[in-house]
Structure formats: C-alpha cells, structure tokens
Amino acid sequence: PEDTYVSLDHTVPQITPLPDTDLEKALTRFRDVKKGEFEIGRIIPKDSDLWQNPEKARAYMLATYQQLLPLYQLAVAQ
C-alpha cells in the first residue's frame, strides 16, 4: 500500500515510505547483519476513525498483514 513505511532501526524515529526504500539493500542488511532490523507497516493515526470501529480496524490490519507478508517471506528466503 502507498501508506506503508519501513524502519531499519527501532531506536531511531526515522521511517521511510516504502516506495523510497531500497528494498534489496534493506533486506540484504536484515539478512547479513546480526542485529539488523526490518520493520514494515502502516501507521494508523491516533485520531483515525478506524479506532472507533473495531471491525473496520481489524479488517484494515488483516489486509495490511496479507499485503506485507510476501516481503517478510522474501526476507527469510534469501
């Protein structure tokens, strides 16, 4: 999804939009660096209407998981 972000270090507040991320480089680092990280996801703002509707929030989160799962599978396959 367009609103997907990547973080390579949870201790740094920097996140990068997925389209601006060099996925090959990020996944290679995740694979080769002992403490390498690869976090990917979507951000739901605190004031989002999704939080008012648990079913919509659940569907949104499940759709996100299904869309991002291939990237994690790629990461562990390399």
C-alpha atoms as a PDB file:
ATOM      1  CA  PRO A   1       0.000   0.000   0.000  1.00  0.00           C
ATOM      2  CA  GLU A   2       1.071   3.592  -0.631  1.00  0.00           C
ATOM      3  CA  ASP A   3       0.872   4.431   3.071  1.00  0.00           C
ATOM      4  CA  THR A   4       3.429   1.781   4.016  1.00  0.00           C
ATOM      5  CA  TYR A   5       6.609   2.724   5.860  1.00  0.00           C
ATOM      6  CA  VAL A   6       9.902   0.980   6.603  1.00  0.00           C
ATOM      7  CA  SER A   7      12.209   1.320   9.601  1.00  0.00           C
ATOM      8  CA  LEU A   8      15.627  -0.291   9.764  1.00  0.00           C
ATOM      9  CA  ASP A   9      16.335   0.692  13.374  1.00  0.00           C
ATOM     10  CA  HIS A  10      13.670   0.850  16.080  1.00  0.00           C
ATOM     11  CA  THR A  11      15.864   3.143  18.203  1.00  0.00           C
ATOM     12  CA  VAL A  12      15.732   5.924  15.597  1.00  0.00           C
ATOM     13  CA  PRO A  13      12.485   7.812  14.915  1.00  0.00           C
ATOM     14  CA  GLN A  14      13.196   7.825  11.178  1.00  0.00           C
ATOM     15  CA  ILE A  15      10.758   5.985   8.921  1.00  0.00           C
ATOM     16  CA  THR A  16      10.874   5.868   5.136  1.00  0.00           C
ATOM     17  CA  PRO A  17       7.943   5.497   2.755  1.00  0.00           C
ATOM     18  CA  LEU A  18       8.092   2.081   1.107  1.00  0.00           C
ATOM     19  CA  PRO A  19       8.406   3.492  -2.439  1.00  0.00           C
ATOM     20  CA  ASP A  20      11.527   5.415  -1.337  1.00  0.00           C
ATOM     21  CA  THR A  21      13.176   2.359   0.256  1.00  0.00           C
ATOM     22  CA  ASP A  22      15.889   0.355  -1.454  1.00  0.00           C
ATOM     23  CA  LEU A  23      14.304  -2.992  -0.585  1.00  0.00           C
ATOM     24  CA  GLU A  24      17.143  -5.123  -1.884  1.00  0.00           C
ATOM     25  CA  LYS A  25      19.670  -3.242   0.239  1.00  0.00           C
ATOM     26  CA  ALA A  26      17.395  -3.211   3.297  1.00  0.00           C
ATOM     27  CA  LEU A  27      16.608  -6.930   3.102  1.00  0.00           C
ATOM     28  CA  THR A  28      20.244  -7.829   2.482  1.00  0.00           C
ATOM     29  CA  ARG A  29      21.241  -5.859   5.585  1.00  0.00           C
ATOM     30  CA  PHE A  30      18.465  -7.564   7.564  1.00  0.00           C
ATOM     31  CA  ARG A  31      19.812 -10.940   6.471  1.00  0.00           C
ATOM     32  CA  ASP A  32      23.542 -10.243   6.905  1.00  0.00           C
ATOM     33  CA  VAL A  33      23.788  -8.006   9.982  1.00  0.00           C
ATOM     34  CA  LYS A  34      23.391  -9.875  13.254  1.00  0.00           C
ATOM     35  CA  LYS A  35      21.319  -7.113  14.832  1.00  0.00           C
ATOM     36  CA  GLY A  36      19.799  -5.935  11.554  1.00  0.00           C
ATOM     37  CA  GLU A  37      16.161  -4.923  11.650  1.00  0.00           C
ATOM     38  CA  PHE A  38      13.421  -4.689   9.069  1.00  0.00           C
ATOM     39  CA  GLU A  39      10.150  -3.249  10.286  1.00  0.00           C
ATOM     40  CA  ILE A  40       7.418  -2.519   7.812  1.00  0.00           C
ATOM     41  CA  GLY A  41       3.869  -1.398   8.331  1.00  0.00           C
ATOM     42  CA  ARG A  42       1.215   1.211   8.084  1.00  0.00           C
ATOM     43  CA  ILE A  43       0.606   3.963  10.600  1.00  0.00           C
ATOM     44  CA  ILE A  44      -2.882   4.497  11.967  1.00  0.00           C
ATOM     45  CA  PRO A  45      -3.062   7.996  13.463  1.00  0.00           C
ATOM     46  CA  LYS A  46      -4.497   8.335  16.980  1.00  0.00           C
ATOM     47  CA  ASP A  47      -7.459  10.307  15.665  1.00  0.00           C
ATOM     48  CA  SER A  48      -8.309   7.866  12.864  1.00  0.00           C
ATOM     49  CA  ASP A  49     -11.932   6.780  12.562  1.00  0.00           C
ATOM     50  CA  LEU A  50     -10.671   3.196  12.411  1.00  0.00           C
ATOM     51  CA  TRP A  51     -10.258   3.197  16.188  1.00  0.00           C
ATOM     52  CA  GLN A  52     -13.992   3.872  16.568  1.00  0.00           C
ATOM     53  CA  ASN A  53     -14.950   0.770  14.588  1.00  0.00           C
ATOM     54  CA  PRO A  54     -13.223  -2.418  15.762  1.00  0.00           C
ATOM     55  CA  GLU A  55     -14.398  -4.452  12.754  1.00  0.00           C
ATOM     56  CA  LYS A  56     -13.020  -1.923  10.264  1.00  0.00           C
ATOM     57  CA  ALA A  57      -9.777  -1.696  12.238  1.00  0.00           C
ATOM     58  CA  ARG A  58      -9.459  -5.474  12.265  1.00  0.00           C
ATOM     59  CA  ALA A  59     -10.121  -5.692   8.511  1.00  0.00           C
ATOM     60  CA  TYR A  60      -7.567  -2.934   7.845  1.00  0.00           C
ATOM     61  CA  MET A  61      -4.923  -4.677   9.947  1.00  0.00           C
ATOM     62  CA  LEU A  62      -5.603  -8.065   8.359  1.00  0.00           C
ATOM     63  CA  ALA A  63      -5.391  -6.563   4.857  1.00  0.00           C
ATOM     64  CA  THR A  64      -2.089  -4.931   5.815  1.00  0.00           C
ATOM     65  CA  TYR A  65      -0.712  -8.229   7.083  1.00  0.00           C
ATOM     66  CA  GLN A  66      -1.762 -10.053   3.907  1.00  0.00           C
ATOM     67  CA  GLN A  67      -0.203  -7.388   1.683  1.00  0.00           C
ATOM     68  CA  LEU A  68       3.098  -7.278   3.574  1.00  0.00           C
ATOM     69  CA  LEU A  69       3.574 -10.987   4.221  1.00  0.00           C
ATOM     70  CA  PRO A  70       5.267 -11.611   0.836  1.00  0.00           C
ATOM     71  CA  LEU A  71       8.017  -9.135   1.771  1.00  0.00           C
ATOM     72  CA  TYR A  72       8.764 -10.967   5.008  1.00  0.00           C
ATOM     73  CA  GLN A  73       8.725 -14.283   3.152  1.00  0.00           C
ATOM     74  CA  LEU A  74      11.199 -12.837   0.676  1.00  0.00           C
ATOM     75  CA  ALA A  75      13.416 -11.676   3.537  1.00  0.00           C
ATOM     76  CA  VAL A  76      13.710 -15.105   5.109  1.00  0.00           C
ATOM     77  CA  ALA A  77      14.042 -16.914   1.775  1.00  0.00           C
ATOM     78  CA  GLN A  78      17.200 -15.071   0.706  1.00  0.00           C
END
